[in-house]
């Protein structure tokens, strides 16, 4: 059975999948498993996970800067206005993954993201519904949460959001902590997740208090 963790040249123990590539190591240490607050970054992650299908994540990381340039830094309000001419332009760009279906999916999902924000207030609030809090039990391709998220997004018209892709998304944005037991970065990721959970709870409680106050005042 392959080892789940390995010690790097710097003496830090990491999840074995990130190897020694400096770009991959930096992503593992600073991003993977950490909560993402900005909606455009959540939209970016879900789109890039779709582009990654059939490829390595390292390939996507190496192209991420160019993806951000050509997709308006993943501002989904702007990407939602892209059209056929933009698709043809993007298909000619060697700096990204030139796959018509995935490019068209990015445009489609921008429109779906805009609809979702109009309905629930933010992408972050929506994706938080699929958070999982459990000990590390090994890496798996899908989870109950990723299946549920995939089903709900497909119902809403999103594309390239299969259960496996959505599990990778949940891992990447800290909605599940899949740093392996023994990885030096599992505890910092969990602390960041706990902080995010406390803030979300406080925001919910504050909102509920405001609603109760307005309700009382309406009777005065």
N, C-alpha and C. Protein backbone atom coordinates (compact mmCIF):
# COMPACT_ATOMS: atom_id res chain seq x y z
N UNK A 1 0.84 -1.19 0.00
CA UNK A 1 0.00 0.00 0.00
C UNK A 1 0.88 1.25 0.00
N UNK A 2 0.68 2.17 -0.93
CA UNK A 2 1.52 3.37 -1.00
C UNK A 2 1.41 4.19 0.28
N UNK A 3 2.52 4.84 0.65
CA UNK A 3 2.53 5.69 1.83
C UNK A 3 1.65 6.92 1.58
N UNK A 4 0.94 7.36 2.61
CA UNK A 4 0.06 8.52 2.48
C UNK A 4 0.80 9.82 2.71
N UNK A 5 1.91 9.77 3.46
CA UNK A 5 2.70 10.96 3.71
C UNK A 5 4.16 10.68 3.41
N UNK A 6 4.92 11.74 3.19
CA UNK A 6 6.35 11.61 2.98
C UNK A 6 7.04 12.87 3.47
N UNK A 7 8.29 12.73 3.88
CA UNK A 7 9.04 13.88 4.38
C UNK A 7 9.79 14.52 3.23
N UNK A 8 9.65 15.86 3.10
CA UNK A 8 10.33 16.58 2.04
C UNK A 8 11.75 16.95 2.41
N UNK A 9 12.44 17.57 1.44
CA UNK A 9 13.83 17.96 1.68
C UNK A 9 13.94 19.01 2.78
N UNK A 10 12.85 19.74 3.03
CA UNK A 10 12.86 20.77 4.08
C UNK A 10 12.53 20.21 5.46
N UNK A 11 12.32 18.89 5.54
CA UNK A 11 12.03 18.25 6.81
C UNK A 11 10.57 18.23 7.18
N UNK A 12 9.70 18.85 6.36
CA UNK A 12 8.27 18.87 6.65
C UNK A 12 7.61 17.62 6.07
N UNK A 13 6.66 17.08 6.82
CA UNK A 13 5.93 15.90 6.36
C UNK A 13 4.65 16.35 5.68
N UNK A 14 4.44 15.86 4.47
CA UNK A 14 3.31 16.29 3.65
C UNK A 14 2.57 15.08 3.09
N UNK A 15 1.36 15.32 2.59
CA UNK A 15 0.64 14.31 1.83
C UNK A 15 1.52 13.89 0.65
N UNK A 16 1.61 12.59 0.43
CA UNK A 16 2.56 12.07 -0.56
C UNK A 16 2.25 12.54 -1.98
N UNK A 17 0.98 12.87 -2.27
CA UNK A 17 0.60 13.18 -3.65
C UNK A 17 1.28 14.43 -4.21
N UNK A 18 1.74 15.33 -3.34
CA UNK A 18 2.28 16.59 -3.88
C UNK A 18 3.73 16.48 -4.33
N UNK A 19 4.41 15.38 -3.99
CA UNK A 19 5.76 15.17 -4.48
C UNK A 19 6.72 16.28 -4.11
N UNK A 20 7.62 16.62 -5.03
CA UNK A 20 8.66 17.62 -4.75
C UNK A 20 8.57 18.85 -5.65
N UNK A 21 7.64 18.87 -6.59
CA UNK A 21 7.53 20.03 -7.46
C UNK A 21 7.20 21.27 -6.63
N UNK A 22 8.00 22.34 -6.71
CA UNK A 22 7.78 23.52 -5.86
C UNK A 22 6.38 24.12 -6.00
N UNK A 23 5.83 24.11 -7.20
CA UNK A 23 4.49 24.67 -7.41
C UNK A 23 3.44 23.82 -6.70
N UNK A 24 3.59 22.51 -6.81
CA UNK A 24 2.66 21.58 -6.18
C UNK A 24 2.77 21.64 -4.65
N UNK A 25 4.01 21.74 -4.16
CA UNK A 25 4.24 21.81 -2.71
C UNK A 25 3.62 23.08 -2.15
N UNK A 26 3.82 24.20 -2.83
CA UNK A 26 3.25 25.47 -2.37
C UNK A 26 1.72 25.41 -2.36
N UNK A 27 1.14 24.79 -3.37
CA UNK A 27 -0.32 24.65 -3.42
C UNK A 27 -0.80 23.80 -2.25
N UNK A 28 -0.12 22.69 -2.01
CA UNK A 28 -0.48 21.81 -0.89
C UNK A 28 -0.40 22.55 0.44
N UNK A 29 0.67 23.31 0.65
CA UNK A 29 0.93 23.95 1.94
C UNK A 29 0.01 25.14 2.20
N UNK A 30 -0.30 25.93 1.17
CA UNK A 30 -0.95 27.22 1.36
C UNK A 30 -2.41 27.26 0.94
N UNK A 31 -2.82 26.35 0.07
CA UNK A 31 -4.17 26.44 -0.47
C UNK A 31 -5.05 25.23 -0.20
N UNK A 32 -4.55 24.06 -0.52
CA UNK A 32 -5.38 22.86 -0.49
C UNK A 32 -5.91 22.60 0.91
N UNK A 33 -7.22 22.45 1.02
CA UNK A 33 -7.84 22.18 2.31
C UNK A 33 -8.12 23.40 3.14
N UNK A 34 -7.79 24.60 2.62
CA UNK A 34 -8.04 25.84 3.35
C UNK A 34 -9.34 26.47 2.87
N UNK A 35 -10.14 27.04 3.77
CA UNK A 35 -11.40 27.66 3.37
C UNK A 35 -11.20 28.80 2.38
N UNK A 36 -12.10 28.89 1.43
CA UNK A 36 -12.08 29.95 0.42
C UNK A 36 -13.28 30.85 0.67
N UNK A 37 -13.03 32.15 0.80
CA UNK A 37 -14.09 33.09 1.15
C UNK A 37 -14.71 33.76 -0.06
N UNK A 38 -13.90 34.10 -1.06
CA UNK A 38 -14.39 34.88 -2.19
C UNK A 38 -15.18 34.02 -3.17
N UNK A 39 -16.32 34.54 -3.60
CA UNK A 39 -17.14 33.80 -4.56
C UNK A 39 -16.43 33.57 -5.88
N UNK A 40 -15.68 34.56 -6.36
CA UNK A 40 -15.01 34.36 -7.65
C UNK A 40 -13.95 33.27 -7.56
N UNK A 41 -13.32 33.12 -6.39
CA UNK A 41 -12.34 32.05 -6.24
C UNK A 41 -13.02 30.68 -6.15
N UNK A 42 -14.21 30.63 -5.57
CA UNK A 42 -14.97 29.38 -5.56
C UNK A 42 -15.39 29.01 -6.98
N UNK A 43 -15.84 30.00 -7.72
CA UNK A 43 -16.20 29.76 -9.13
C UNK A 43 -14.97 29.31 -9.91
N UNK A 44 -13.84 29.95 -9.65
CA UNK A 44 -12.60 29.56 -10.32
C UNK A 44 -12.26 28.10 -10.04
N UNK A 45 -12.32 27.73 -8.75
CA UNK A 45 -11.95 26.36 -8.39
C UNK A 45 -12.87 25.34 -9.05
N UNK A 46 -14.15 25.62 -9.09
CA UNK A 46 -15.07 24.64 -9.67
C UNK A 46 -14.84 24.52 -11.18
N UNK A 47 -14.49 25.63 -11.83
CA UNK A 47 -14.20 25.58 -13.26
C UNK A 47 -12.89 24.87 -13.55
N UNK A 48 -11.85 25.18 -12.77
CA UNK A 48 -10.56 24.55 -13.00
C UNK A 48 -10.59 23.06 -12.68
N UNK A 49 -11.40 22.66 -11.71
CA UNK A 49 -11.55 21.22 -11.46
C UNK A 49 -12.19 20.55 -12.68
N UNK A 50 -13.10 21.25 -13.34
CA UNK A 50 -13.68 20.72 -14.57
C UNK A 50 -12.65 20.61 -15.67
N UNK A 51 -11.80 21.62 -15.82
CA UNK A 51 -10.74 21.58 -16.84
C UNK A 51 -9.75 20.46 -16.53
N UNK A 52 -9.56 20.16 -15.25
CA UNK A 52 -8.59 19.14 -14.86
C UNK A 52 -9.01 17.73 -15.25
N UNK A 53 -10.30 17.53 -15.47
CA UNK A 53 -10.81 16.18 -15.78
C UNK A 53 -10.00 15.54 -16.90
N UNK A 54 -9.38 14.40 -16.61
CA UNK A 54 -8.57 13.69 -17.60
C UNK A 54 -7.12 14.15 -17.64
N UNK A 55 -6.78 15.16 -16.84
CA UNK A 55 -5.42 15.70 -16.80
C UNK A 55 -4.91 15.68 -15.36
N UNK A 56 -3.69 16.12 -15.15
CA UNK A 56 -3.16 16.24 -13.79
C UNK A 56 -3.45 17.64 -13.26
N UNK A 57 -3.60 17.73 -11.94
CA UNK A 57 -3.83 19.06 -11.35
C UNK A 57 -2.60 19.95 -11.52
N UNK A 58 -1.41 19.36 -11.57
CA UNK A 58 -0.20 20.15 -11.77
C UNK A 58 -0.24 20.85 -13.13
N UNK A 59 -0.79 20.18 -14.13
CA UNK A 59 -0.94 20.81 -15.45
C UNK A 59 -1.80 22.06 -15.34
N UNK A 60 -2.88 21.98 -14.58
CA UNK A 60 -3.78 23.13 -14.41
C UNK A 60 -3.09 24.24 -13.63
N UNK A 61 -2.36 23.89 -12.58
CA UNK A 61 -1.65 24.90 -11.79
C UNK A 61 -0.67 25.68 -12.66
N UNK A 62 0.00 25.00 -13.54
CA UNK A 62 0.98 25.67 -14.41
C UNK A 62 0.31 26.63 -15.38
N UNK A 63 -0.95 26.38 -15.69
CA UNK A 63 -1.69 27.22 -16.62
C UNK A 63 -2.62 28.21 -15.92
N UNK A 64 -2.69 28.16 -14.58
CA UNK A 64 -3.69 28.94 -13.86
C UNK A 64 -3.58 30.44 -14.11
N UNK A 65 -2.38 30.97 -14.16
CA UNK A 65 -2.23 32.41 -14.38
C UNK A 65 -2.85 32.83 -15.71
N UNK A 66 -2.65 32.02 -16.73
CA UNK A 66 -3.23 32.35 -18.04
C UNK A 66 -4.74 32.16 -18.02
N UNK A 67 -5.23 31.13 -17.35
CA UNK A 67 -6.67 30.96 -17.19
C UNK A 67 -7.28 32.23 -16.58
N UNK A 68 -6.63 32.77 -15.57
CA UNK A 68 -7.16 33.96 -14.92
C UNK A 68 -7.16 35.16 -15.86
N UNK A 69 -6.15 35.26 -16.70
CA UNK A 69 -6.09 36.37 -17.65
C UNK A 69 -7.23 36.31 -18.65
N UNK A 70 -7.45 35.15 -19.23
CA UNK A 70 -8.43 35.07 -20.33
C UNK A 70 -9.86 34.95 -19.84
N UNK A 71 -10.06 34.56 -18.57
CA UNK A 71 -11.42 34.46 -18.03
C UNK A 71 -11.70 35.58 -17.01
N UNK A 72 -11.14 36.77 -17.26
CA UNK A 72 -11.45 37.96 -16.48
C UNK A 72 -11.27 37.73 -14.98
N UNK A 73 -10.19 37.03 -14.63
CA UNK A 73 -9.90 36.68 -13.23
C UNK A 73 -11.08 35.96 -12.58
N UNK A 74 -11.81 35.24 -13.40
CA UNK A 74 -12.97 34.43 -12.96
C UNK A 74 -14.04 35.28 -12.26
N UNK A 75 -14.19 36.50 -12.75
CA UNK A 75 -15.33 37.33 -12.35
C UNK A 75 -16.53 36.80 -13.11
N UNK A 76 -17.38 36.03 -12.45
CA UNK A 76 -18.45 35.33 -13.20
C UNK A 76 -19.50 36.28 -13.75
N UNK A 77 -19.59 37.49 -13.20
CA UNK A 77 -20.51 38.47 -13.79
C UNK A 77 -20.02 38.86 -15.18
N UNK A 78 -18.72 38.95 -15.37
CA UNK A 78 -18.16 39.28 -16.68
C UNK A 78 -18.15 38.07 -17.60
N UNK A 79 -17.75 36.92 -17.08
CA UNK A 79 -17.69 35.71 -17.90
C UNK A 79 -19.08 35.33 -18.41
N UNK A 80 -20.12 35.64 -17.61
CA UNK A 80 -21.50 35.33 -18.02
C UNK A 80 -21.89 36.05 -19.31
N UNK A 81 -21.17 37.13 -19.63
CA UNK A 81 -21.47 37.90 -20.84
C UNK A 81 -20.64 37.47 -22.04
N UNK A 82 -19.72 36.50 -21.85
CA UNK A 82 -18.95 35.98 -22.97
C UNK A 82 -19.89 35.28 -23.95
N UNK A 83 -19.50 35.29 -25.23
CA UNK A 83 -20.33 34.65 -26.24
C UNK A 83 -19.53 33.74 -27.17
N UNK A 84 -20.10 33.43 -28.32
CA UNK A 84 -19.48 32.48 -29.26
C UNK A 84 -18.12 32.97 -29.74
N UNK A 85 -17.98 34.27 -29.98
CA UNK A 85 -16.70 34.78 -30.45
C UNK A 85 -15.62 34.60 -29.38
N UNK A 86 -16.01 34.71 -28.12
CA UNK A 86 -15.05 34.48 -27.04
C UNK A 86 -14.63 33.02 -26.99
N UNK A 87 -15.58 32.12 -27.23
CA UNK A 87 -15.25 30.68 -27.25
C UNK A 87 -14.21 30.41 -28.32
N UNK A 88 -14.42 30.96 -29.52
CA UNK A 88 -13.48 30.74 -30.62
C UNK A 88 -12.11 31.35 -30.29
N UNK A 89 -12.11 32.50 -29.66
CA UNK A 89 -10.85 33.14 -29.25
C UNK A 89 -10.11 32.26 -28.25
N UNK A 90 -10.82 31.74 -27.29
CA UNK A 90 -10.20 30.92 -26.26
C UNK A 90 -9.67 29.60 -26.81
N UNK A 91 -10.35 29.06 -27.80
CA UNK A 91 -9.90 27.80 -28.41
C UNK A 91 -8.56 27.95 -29.11
N UNK A 92 -8.16 29.18 -29.40
CA UNK A 92 -6.89 29.42 -30.07
C UNK A 92 -5.77 29.76 -29.11
N UNK A 93 -6.07 29.81 -27.81
CA UNK A 93 -5.08 30.22 -26.82
C UNK A 93 -4.31 29.01 -26.30
N UNK A 94 -3.01 28.91 -26.61
CA UNK A 94 -2.23 27.74 -26.18
C UNK A 94 -1.91 27.73 -24.69
N UNK A 95 -2.22 28.84 -24.00
CA UNK A 95 -1.89 28.92 -22.58
C UNK A 95 -2.90 28.27 -21.66
N UNK A 96 -4.03 27.83 -22.23
CA UNK A 96 -5.05 27.15 -21.43
C UNK A 96 -5.32 25.77 -22.01
N UNK A 97 -6.26 25.06 -21.43
CA UNK A 97 -6.70 23.77 -21.98
C UNK A 97 -7.75 24.07 -23.04
N UNK A 98 -7.42 23.77 -24.29
CA UNK A 98 -8.30 24.13 -25.40
C UNK A 98 -9.30 23.02 -25.69
N UNK A 99 -10.33 23.01 -24.90
CA UNK A 99 -11.37 21.99 -25.00
C UNK A 99 -12.70 22.73 -25.08
N UNK A 100 -13.38 22.61 -26.22
CA UNK A 100 -14.59 23.39 -26.43
C UNK A 100 -15.63 23.15 -25.34
N UNK A 101 -15.86 21.90 -24.99
CA UNK A 101 -16.88 21.59 -24.01
C UNK A 101 -16.58 22.23 -22.66
N UNK A 102 -15.32 22.21 -22.25
CA UNK A 102 -14.95 22.77 -20.95
C UNK A 102 -15.00 24.30 -20.97
N UNK A 103 -14.64 24.89 -22.10
CA UNK A 103 -14.73 26.35 -22.23
C UNK A 103 -16.19 26.79 -22.20
N UNK A 104 -17.02 26.11 -22.95
CA UNK A 104 -18.45 26.45 -22.96
C UNK A 104 -19.08 26.21 -21.59
N UNK A 105 -18.60 25.20 -20.90
CA UNK A 105 -19.09 24.93 -19.55
C UNK A 105 -18.75 26.08 -18.60
N UNK A 106 -17.56 26.66 -18.75
CA UNK A 106 -17.15 27.78 -17.90
C UNK A 106 -18.07 28.97 -18.10
N UNK A 107 -18.48 29.22 -19.33
CA UNK A 107 -19.42 30.31 -19.60
C UNK A 107 -20.80 29.99 -19.03
N UNK A 108 -21.25 28.77 -19.26
CA UNK A 108 -22.55 28.35 -18.74
C UNK A 108 -22.58 28.44 -17.21
N UNK A 109 -21.52 27.96 -16.57
CA UNK A 109 -21.50 27.95 -15.11
C UNK A 109 -21.41 29.34 -14.52
N UNK A 110 -20.86 30.28 -15.28
CA UNK A 110 -20.86 31.68 -14.82
C UNK A 110 -22.29 32.19 -14.72
N UNK A 111 -23.11 31.85 -15.69
CA UNK A 111 -24.52 32.28 -15.67
C UNK A 111 -25.27 31.58 -14.54
N UNK A 112 -24.96 30.31 -14.33
CA UNK A 112 -25.61 29.58 -13.24
C UNK A 112 -25.15 30.12 -11.88
N UNK A 113 -23.88 30.52 -11.79
CA UNK A 113 -23.37 31.09 -10.54
C UNK A 113 -24.08 32.40 -10.23
N UNK A 114 -24.29 33.20 -11.24
CA UNK A 114 -25.00 34.47 -11.05
C UNK A 114 -26.41 34.22 -10.55
N UNK A 115 -27.08 33.23 -11.11
CA UNK A 115 -28.43 32.88 -10.66
C UNK A 115 -28.43 32.42 -9.21
N UNK A 116 -27.43 31.63 -8.86
CA UNK A 116 -27.36 31.08 -7.51
C UNK A 116 -27.13 32.18 -6.48
N UNK A 117 -26.29 33.14 -6.82
CA UNK A 117 -26.04 34.27 -5.92
C UNK A 117 -27.32 35.09 -5.73
N UNK A 118 -28.05 35.28 -6.81
CA UNK A 118 -29.31 36.02 -6.72
C UNK A 118 -30.30 35.31 -5.80
N UNK A 119 -30.23 33.98 -5.78
CA UNK A 119 -31.18 33.20 -4.98
C UNK A 119 -30.78 33.10 -3.51
N UNK A 120 -29.50 32.77 -3.23
CA UNK A 120 -29.11 32.47 -1.85
C UNK A 120 -28.15 33.49 -1.25
N UNK A 121 -27.72 34.47 -2.03
CA UNK A 121 -26.86 35.53 -1.49
C UNK A 121 -25.40 35.41 -1.84
N UNK A 122 -24.87 34.19 -1.87
CA UNK A 122 -23.46 33.99 -2.21
C UNK A 122 -23.20 32.53 -2.54
N UNK A 123 -22.17 32.30 -3.33
CA UNK A 123 -21.76 30.91 -3.60
C UNK A 123 -21.25 30.28 -2.31
N UNK A 124 -20.56 31.06 -1.51
CA UNK A 124 -20.01 30.52 -0.26
C UNK A 124 -21.11 29.96 0.63
N UNK A 125 -22.21 30.70 0.76
CA UNK A 125 -23.32 30.24 1.60
C UNK A 125 -23.90 28.94 1.06
N UNK A 126 -23.98 28.83 -0.24
CA UNK A 126 -24.53 27.61 -0.85
C UNK A 126 -23.60 26.42 -0.62
N UNK A 127 -22.31 26.58 -0.92
CA UNK A 127 -21.39 25.45 -0.82
C UNK A 127 -21.17 25.01 0.62
N UNK A 128 -21.34 25.91 1.57
CA UNK A 128 -21.18 25.54 2.98
C UNK A 128 -22.16 24.44 3.39
N UNK A 129 -23.26 24.31 2.67
CA UNK A 129 -24.25 23.28 2.99
C UNK A 129 -23.67 21.87 2.82
N UNK A 130 -22.57 21.77 2.07
CA UNK A 130 -22.02 20.45 1.75
C UNK A 130 -20.70 20.20 2.49
N UNK A 131 -20.48 20.96 3.54
CA UNK A 131 -19.29 20.80 4.38
C UNK A 131 -19.33 19.45 5.10
N UNK A 132 -18.17 18.83 5.24
CA UNK A 132 -18.06 17.56 5.99
C UNK A 132 -17.02 17.73 7.08
N UNK A 133 -17.36 17.33 8.30
CA UNK A 133 -16.44 17.38 9.43
C UNK A 133 -16.24 15.96 9.95
N UNK A 134 -15.12 15.38 9.59
CA UNK A 134 -14.85 14.00 10.03
C UNK A 134 -13.34 13.74 10.00
N UNK A 135 -12.88 12.74 10.73
CA UNK A 135 -11.46 12.40 10.72
C UNK A 135 -11.04 11.90 9.33
N UNK A 136 -9.76 11.99 9.06
CA UNK A 136 -9.24 11.46 7.79
C UNK A 136 -9.37 9.95 7.79
N UNK A 137 -9.96 9.43 6.71
CA UNK A 137 -10.14 7.99 6.60
C UNK A 137 -9.58 7.42 5.32
N UNK A 138 -8.69 8.18 4.69
CA UNK A 138 -8.13 7.74 3.41
C UNK A 138 -8.78 8.51 2.27
N UNK A 139 -8.06 8.62 1.17
CA UNK A 139 -8.57 9.34 0.01
C UNK A 139 -9.52 8.47 -0.79
N UNK A 140 -10.66 9.02 -1.10
CA UNK A 140 -11.68 8.30 -1.86
C UNK A 140 -12.07 9.16 -3.06
N UNK A 141 -12.63 8.57 -4.12
CA UNK A 141 -12.98 9.36 -5.30
C UNK A 141 -14.23 10.20 -5.15
N UNK A 142 -15.17 9.75 -4.30
CA UNK A 142 -16.43 10.47 -4.11
C UNK A 142 -16.85 10.36 -2.64
N UNK A 143 -17.82 11.17 -2.27
CA UNK A 143 -18.39 11.10 -0.92
C UNK A 143 -19.87 11.37 -1.03
N UNK A 144 -20.58 11.16 0.06
CA UNK A 144 -22.02 11.45 0.07
C UNK A 144 -22.26 12.92 -0.24
N UNK A 145 -21.37 13.79 0.30
CA UNK A 145 -21.53 15.23 0.07
C UNK A 145 -21.27 15.59 -1.39
N UNK A 146 -20.26 14.98 -2.00
CA UNK A 146 -19.96 15.32 -3.40
C UNK A 146 -21.05 14.81 -4.33
N UNK A 147 -21.65 13.67 -4.00
CA UNK A 147 -22.76 13.17 -4.81
C UNK A 147 -23.96 14.11 -4.70
N UNK A 148 -24.23 14.57 -3.48
CA UNK A 148 -25.37 15.47 -3.27
C UNK A 148 -25.13 16.81 -3.97
N UNK A 149 -23.90 17.33 -3.87
CA UNK A 149 -23.57 18.60 -4.52
C UNK A 149 -23.67 18.47 -6.03
N UNK A 150 -23.12 17.40 -6.58
CA UNK A 150 -23.20 17.17 -8.01
C UNK A 150 -24.65 17.12 -8.49
N UNK A 151 -25.47 16.39 -7.78
CA UNK A 151 -26.89 16.25 -8.15
C UNK A 151 -27.60 17.60 -8.13
N UNK A 152 -27.32 18.39 -7.09
CA UNK A 152 -28.00 19.68 -6.95
C UNK A 152 -27.53 20.67 -8.02
N UNK A 153 -26.23 20.69 -8.30
CA UNK A 153 -25.74 21.60 -9.33
C UNK A 153 -26.25 21.21 -10.71
N UNK A 154 -26.26 19.93 -11.00
CA UNK A 154 -26.80 19.48 -12.29
C UNK A 154 -28.26 19.86 -12.43
N UNK A 155 -29.00 19.75 -11.35
CA UNK A 155 -30.41 20.14 -11.37
C UNK A 155 -30.56 21.61 -11.72
N UNK A 156 -29.59 22.39 -11.31
CA UNK A 156 -29.61 23.83 -11.56
C UNK A 156 -28.97 24.21 -12.89
N UNK A 157 -28.53 23.22 -13.66
CA UNK A 157 -28.01 23.50 -14.99
C UNK A 157 -26.51 23.62 -15.12
N UNK A 158 -25.76 23.37 -14.04
CA UNK A 158 -24.30 23.42 -14.11
C UNK A 158 -23.79 22.21 -14.89
N UNK A 159 -22.61 22.33 -15.49
CA UNK A 159 -22.02 21.24 -16.25
C UNK A 159 -20.58 20.99 -15.79
N UNK A 160 -20.06 19.81 -16.13
CA UNK A 160 -18.74 19.35 -15.68
C UNK A 160 -18.66 19.40 -14.15
N UNK A 161 -19.68 18.90 -13.52
CA UNK A 161 -19.74 18.89 -12.06
C UNK A 161 -20.11 17.49 -11.55
N UNK A 162 -19.45 16.48 -12.09
CA UNK A 162 -19.70 15.11 -11.64
C UNK A 162 -19.25 14.90 -10.21
N UNK A 163 -19.67 13.81 -9.57
CA UNK A 163 -19.35 13.56 -8.16
C UNK A 163 -17.86 13.52 -7.85
N UNK A 164 -17.06 12.95 -8.76
CA UNK A 164 -15.61 12.90 -8.52
C UNK A 164 -15.00 14.30 -8.61
N UNK A 165 -15.42 15.06 -9.61
CA UNK A 165 -14.94 16.44 -9.75
C UNK A 165 -15.35 17.27 -8.54
N UNK A 166 -16.57 17.05 -8.06
CA UNK A 166 -17.04 17.82 -6.91
C UNK A 166 -16.33 17.40 -5.63
N UNK A 167 -15.91 16.15 -5.53
CA UNK A 167 -15.14 15.79 -4.33
C UNK A 167 -13.79 16.49 -4.33
N UNK A 168 -13.15 16.55 -5.49
CA UNK A 168 -11.88 17.28 -5.59
C UNK A 168 -12.09 18.75 -5.24
N UNK A 169 -13.22 19.30 -5.64
CA UNK A 169 -13.55 20.69 -5.31
C UNK A 169 -13.72 20.86 -3.80
N UNK A 170 -14.47 19.98 -3.17
CA UNK A 170 -14.68 20.07 -1.72
C UNK A 170 -13.35 19.97 -0.97
N UNK A 171 -12.46 19.10 -1.44
CA UNK A 171 -11.14 18.98 -0.83
C UNK A 171 -10.36 20.28 -0.98
N UNK A 172 -10.38 20.83 -2.17
CA UNK A 172 -9.52 21.97 -2.48
C UNK A 172 -9.92 23.23 -1.73
N UNK A 173 -11.22 23.41 -1.46
CA UNK A 173 -11.68 24.65 -0.82
C UNK A 173 -11.97 24.46 0.68
N UNK A 174 -11.49 23.37 1.24
CA UNK A 174 -11.57 23.18 2.68
C UNK A 174 -12.92 22.81 3.22
N UNK A 175 -13.82 22.35 2.36
CA UNK A 175 -15.12 21.89 2.85
C UNK A 175 -15.03 20.46 3.37
N UNK A 176 -13.89 19.84 3.13
CA UNK A 176 -13.50 18.61 3.81
C UNK A 176 -11.99 18.73 4.01
N UNK A 177 -11.48 18.26 5.12
CA UNK A 177 -10.04 18.30 5.37
C UNK A 177 -9.46 16.93 5.06
N UNK A 178 -8.83 16.82 3.89
CA UNK A 178 -8.28 15.55 3.48
C UNK A 178 -6.76 15.52 3.52
N UNK A 179 -6.15 16.42 4.30
CA UNK A 179 -4.74 16.24 4.59
C UNK A 179 -4.63 14.96 5.41
N UNK A 180 -3.72 14.11 5.03
CA UNK A 180 -3.60 12.80 5.67
C UNK A 180 -3.16 12.92 7.13
N UNK A 181 -3.53 11.95 7.93
CA UNK A 181 -3.05 11.87 9.30
C UNK A 181 -1.52 11.79 9.27
N UNK A 182 -0.87 12.66 10.01
CA UNK A 182 0.59 12.71 10.00
C UNK A 182 1.14 13.83 9.15
N UNK A 183 0.31 14.41 8.27
CA UNK A 183 0.74 15.54 7.47
C UNK A 183 0.85 16.77 8.37
N UNK A 184 1.95 17.50 8.27
CA UNK A 184 2.16 18.67 9.11
C UNK A 184 1.14 19.78 8.85
N UNK A 185 0.44 19.68 7.74
CA UNK A 185 -0.47 20.77 7.36
C UNK A 185 -1.94 20.43 7.63
N UNK A 186 -2.17 19.27 8.22
CA UNK A 186 -3.56 18.93 8.55
C UNK A 186 -4.10 19.82 9.67
N UNK A 187 -3.34 19.99 10.74
CA UNK A 187 -3.80 20.79 11.88
C UNK A 187 -4.01 22.26 11.51
N UNK A 188 -3.09 22.90 10.77
CA UNK A 188 -3.35 24.29 10.37
C UNK A 188 -4.60 24.43 9.50
N UNK A 189 -4.82 23.46 8.62
CA UNK A 189 -6.03 23.50 7.79
C UNK A 189 -7.27 23.37 8.65
N UNK A 190 -7.22 22.51 9.67
CA UNK A 190 -8.37 22.30 10.54
C UNK A 190 -8.65 23.55 11.38
N UNK A 191 -7.59 24.22 11.82
CA UNK A 191 -7.79 25.46 12.58
C UNK A 191 -8.45 26.53 11.70
N UNK A 192 -8.02 26.62 10.45
CA UNK A 192 -8.62 27.58 9.53
C UNK A 192 -10.09 27.24 9.27
N UNK A 193 -10.39 25.95 9.15
CA UNK A 193 -11.78 25.51 8.95
C UNK A 193 -12.64 25.84 10.17
N UNK A 194 -12.09 25.62 11.37
CA UNK A 194 -12.83 25.90 12.59
C UNK A 194 -13.11 27.39 12.71
N UNK A 195 -12.15 28.21 12.35
CA UNK A 195 -12.33 29.66 12.39
C UNK A 195 -13.43 30.08 11.43
N UNK A 196 -13.42 29.50 10.24
CA UNK A 196 -14.44 29.82 9.24
C UNK A 196 -15.83 29.40 9.74
N UNK A 197 -15.90 28.23 10.41
CA UNK A 197 -17.18 27.73 10.92
C UNK A 197 -17.72 28.65 12.00
N UNK A 198 -16.83 29.13 12.88
CA UNK A 198 -17.27 30.05 13.94
C UNK A 198 -17.81 31.34 13.35
N UNK A 199 -17.13 31.86 12.33
CA UNK A 199 -17.58 33.10 11.71
C UNK A 199 -18.93 32.91 11.02
N UNK A 200 -19.09 31.77 10.35
CA UNK A 200 -20.36 31.49 9.68
C UNK A 200 -21.49 31.38 10.70
N UNK A 201 -21.22 30.71 11.82
CA UNK A 201 -22.24 30.58 12.86
C UNK A 201 -22.60 31.94 13.45
N UNK A 202 -21.58 32.76 13.70
CA UNK A 202 -21.83 34.09 14.27
C UNK A 202 -22.64 34.95 13.31
N UNK A 203 -22.35 34.83 12.02
CA UNK A 203 -23.10 35.60 11.02
C UNK A 203 -24.55 35.15 10.98
N UNK A 204 -24.76 33.83 11.06
CA UNK A 204 -26.13 33.30 11.05
C UNK A 204 -26.90 33.76 12.28
N UNK A 205 -26.24 33.69 13.44
CA UNK A 205 -26.90 34.09 14.68
C UNK A 205 -27.19 35.58 14.68
N UNK A 206 -26.28 36.37 14.13
CA UNK A 206 -26.48 37.81 14.05
C UNK A 206 -27.66 38.14 13.14
N UNK A 207 -27.74 37.43 12.02
CA UNK A 207 -28.85 37.64 11.09
C UNK A 207 -30.17 37.28 11.73
N UNK A 208 -30.19 36.17 12.47
CA UNK A 208 -31.42 35.75 13.14
C UNK A 208 -31.84 36.77 14.19
N UNK A 209 -30.85 37.33 14.90
CA UNK A 209 -31.16 38.33 15.92
C UNK A 209 -31.75 39.58 15.29
N UNK A 210 -31.21 39.99 14.15
CA UNK A 210 -31.74 41.17 13.47
C UNK A 210 -33.18 40.93 13.01
N UNK A 211 -33.45 39.73 12.52
CA UNK A 211 -34.81 39.42 12.07
C UNK A 211 -35.79 39.46 13.25
N UNK A 212 -35.37 38.92 14.39
CA UNK A 212 -36.22 38.93 15.57
C UNK A 212 -36.47 40.36 16.04
N UNK A 213 -35.42 41.19 15.96
CA UNK A 213 -35.57 42.58 16.38
C UNK A 213 -36.54 43.33 15.48
N UNK A 214 -36.42 43.10 14.17
CA UNK A 214 -37.35 43.75 13.24
C UNK A 214 -38.77 43.28 13.47
N UNK A 215 -38.92 41.98 13.78
CA UNK A 215 -40.26 41.44 14.03
C UNK A 215 -40.88 42.08 15.28
N UNK A 216 -40.06 42.24 16.34
CA UNK A 216 -40.58 42.87 17.57
C UNK A 216 -40.95 44.32 17.32
N UNK A 217 -40.08 45.03 16.58
CA UNK A 217 -40.34 46.45 16.32
C UNK A 217 -41.58 46.68 15.47
N UNK A 218 -41.89 45.68 14.62
CA UNK A 218 -43.06 45.84 13.76
C UNK A 218 -44.36 45.81 14.56
N UNK A 219 -44.26 45.27 15.79
CA UNK A 219 -45.46 45.21 16.64
C UNK A 219 -45.58 46.40 17.58
N UNK A 220 -44.54 47.20 17.59
CA UNK A 220 -44.55 48.36 18.50
C UNK A 220 -45.36 49.53 17.90
